[in-house]
Amino acid sequence: MLMIPFLFIGTTELLIIGLIVLLLFGGSRIPSLMRSLGSGVKSFKDGMKEGETPESESKANDKTEEVKKD
């Protein structure tokens, strides 16, 4: 089995990444970055929900269109 070791991130690596992010952005800017990331994910999920139509609604719409044609 092919194992890719760099995909498995441990606790130590996460702490090092967290400290680097803290040094780069500073403590006051991180909450605003996380807030904007969360709102972006929320708008993406909302956009995905808008594209979906339940099958019962789409079938009902098809039936009403057939009735209107007759």
C-alpha atoms as a PDB file:
ATOM      1  CA  MET A   1       0.000   0.000   0.000  1.00  0.00           C
ATOM      2  CA  LEU A   2       1.298   3.449  -0.871  1.00  0.00           C
ATOM      3  CA  MET A   3       1.606   5.652   2.179  1.00  0.00           C
ATOM      4  CA  ILE A   4       2.111   9.372   1.846  1.00  0.00           C
ATOM      5  CA  PRO A   5       3.677  10.500   5.122  1.00  0.00           C
ATOM      6  CA  PHE A   6       3.367  14.257   4.545  1.00  0.00           C
ATOM      7  CA  LEU A   7      -0.446  14.035   4.633  1.00  0.00           C
ATOM      8  CA  PHE A   8      -0.442  12.918   8.254  1.00  0.00           C
ATOM      9  CA  ILE A   9      -0.008  16.049  10.375  1.00  0.00           C
ATOM     10  CA  GLY A  10       0.558  15.549  14.073  1.00  0.00           C
ATOM     11  CA  THR A  11      -0.008  17.776  17.066  1.00  0.00           C
ATOM     12  CA  THR A  12       3.511  19.183  17.011  1.00  0.00           C
ATOM     13  CA  GLU A  13       3.226  20.199  13.371  1.00  0.00           C
ATOM     14  CA  LEU A  14      -0.151  21.876  14.005  1.00  0.00           C
ATOM     15  CA  LEU A  15       1.324  23.863  16.891  1.00  0.00           C
ATOM     16  CA  ILE A  16       4.244  25.005  14.732  1.00  0.00           C
ATOM     17  CA  ILE A  17       1.866  26.052  11.935  1.00  0.00           C
ATOM     18  CA  GLY A  18      -0.285  27.903  14.479  1.00  0.00           C
ATOM     19  CA  LEU A  19       2.706  29.788  15.853  1.00  0.00           C
ATOM     20  CA  ILE A  20       3.834  30.771  12.353  1.00  0.00           C
ATOM     21  CA  VAL A  21       0.336  32.071  11.548  1.00  0.00           C
ATOM     22  CA  LEU A  22       0.316  33.990  14.831  1.00  0.00           C
ATOM     23  CA  LEU A  23       3.681  35.575  14.017  1.00  0.00           C
ATOM     24  CA  LEU A  24       2.667  36.478  10.469  1.00  0.00           C
ATOM     25  CA  PHE A  25      -0.774  37.946  11.129  1.00  0.00           C
ATOM     26  CA  GLY A  26      -0.688  38.952  14.772  1.00  0.00           C
ATOM     27  CA  GLY A  27      -3.184  38.173  17.496  1.00  0.00           C
ATOM     28  CA  SER A  28      -5.641  40.935  16.671  1.00  0.00           C
ATOM     29  CA  ARG A  29      -6.076  40.023  12.999  1.00  0.00           C
ATOM     30  CA  ILE A  30      -6.662  36.262  13.374  1.00  0.00           C
ATOM     31  CA  PRO A  31     -10.292  36.537  14.648  1.00  0.00           C
ATOM     32  CA  SER A  32     -11.246  38.713  11.684  1.00  0.00           C
ATOM     33  CA  LEU A  33      -9.598  36.236   9.291  1.00  0.00           C
ATOM     34  CA  MET A  34     -11.516  33.343  10.825  1.00  0.00           C
ATOM     35  CA  ARG A  35     -14.772  35.341  10.717  1.00  0.00           C
ATOM     36  CA  SER A  36     -14.322  36.090   7.016  1.00  0.00           C
ATOM     37  CA  LEU A  37     -13.408  32.457   6.326  1.00  0.00           C
ATOM     38  CA  GLY A  38     -16.579  31.316   8.110  1.00  0.00           C
ATOM     39  CA  SER A  39     -18.789  33.719   6.192  1.00  0.00           C
ATOM     40  CA  GLY A  40     -17.217  32.543   2.938  1.00  0.00           C
ATOM     41  CA  VAL A  41     -17.952  28.914   3.773  1.00  0.00           C
ATOM     42  CA  LYS A  42     -21.518  29.827   4.756  1.00  0.00           C
ATOM     43  CA  SER A  43     -22.156  31.672   1.502  1.00  0.00           C
ATOM     44  CA  PHE A  44     -20.707  28.728  -0.446  1.00  0.00           C
ATOM     45  CA  LYS A  45     -23.062  26.315   1.322  1.00  0.00           C
ATOM     46  CA  ASP A  46     -26.021  28.653   0.688  1.00  0.00           C
ATOM     47  CA  GLY A  47     -25.085  28.794  -2.984  1.00  0.00           C
ATOM     48  CA  MET A  48     -24.963  25.014  -3.161  1.00  0.00           C
ATOM     49  CA  LYS A  49     -28.415  24.771  -1.568  1.00  0.00           C
ATOM     50  CA  GLU A  50     -29.873  27.251  -4.087  1.00  0.00           C
ATOM     51  CA  GLY A  51     -28.751  25.056  -6.970  1.00  0.00           C
ATOM     52  CA  GLU A  52     -30.479  21.986  -5.581  1.00  0.00           C
ATOM     53  CA  THR A  53     -34.177  21.403  -6.132  1.00  0.00           C
ATOM     54  CA  PRO A  54     -35.935  18.533  -4.418  1.00  0.00           C
ATOM     55  CA  GLU A  55     -37.214  15.858  -6.781  1.00  0.00           C
ATOM     56  CA  SER A  56     -40.802  16.238  -5.592  1.00  0.00           C
ATOM     57  CA  GLU A  57     -40.807  19.930  -6.531  1.00  0.00           C
ATOM     58  CA  SER A  58     -39.233  19.331  -9.920  1.00  0.00           C
ATOM     59  CA  LYS A  59     -41.709  16.534 -10.697  1.00  0.00           C
ATOM     60  CA  ALA A  60     -44.613  18.746  -9.597  1.00  0.00           C
ATOM     61  CA  ASN A  61     -43.345  21.536 -11.854  1.00  0.00           C
ATOM     62  CA  ASP A  62     -43.099  19.113 -14.790  1.00  0.00           C
ATOM     63  CA  LYS A  63     -46.688  17.961 -14.258  1.00  0.00           C
ATOM     64  CA  THR A  64     -48.031  21.517 -14.118  1.00  0.00           C
ATOM     65  CA  GLU A  65     -46.173  22.387 -17.319  1.00  0.00           C
ATOM     66  CA  GLU A  66     -47.729  19.356 -19.051  1.00  0.00           C
ATOM     67  CA  VAL A  67     -51.198  20.422 -17.915  1.00  0.00           C
ATOM     68  CA  LYS A  68     -50.613  23.982 -19.174  1.00  0.00           C
ATOM     69  CA  LYS A  69     -49.545  22.654 -22.593  1.00  0.00           C
ATOM     70  CA  ASP A  70     -52.784  20.650 -23.021  1.00  0.00           C
END
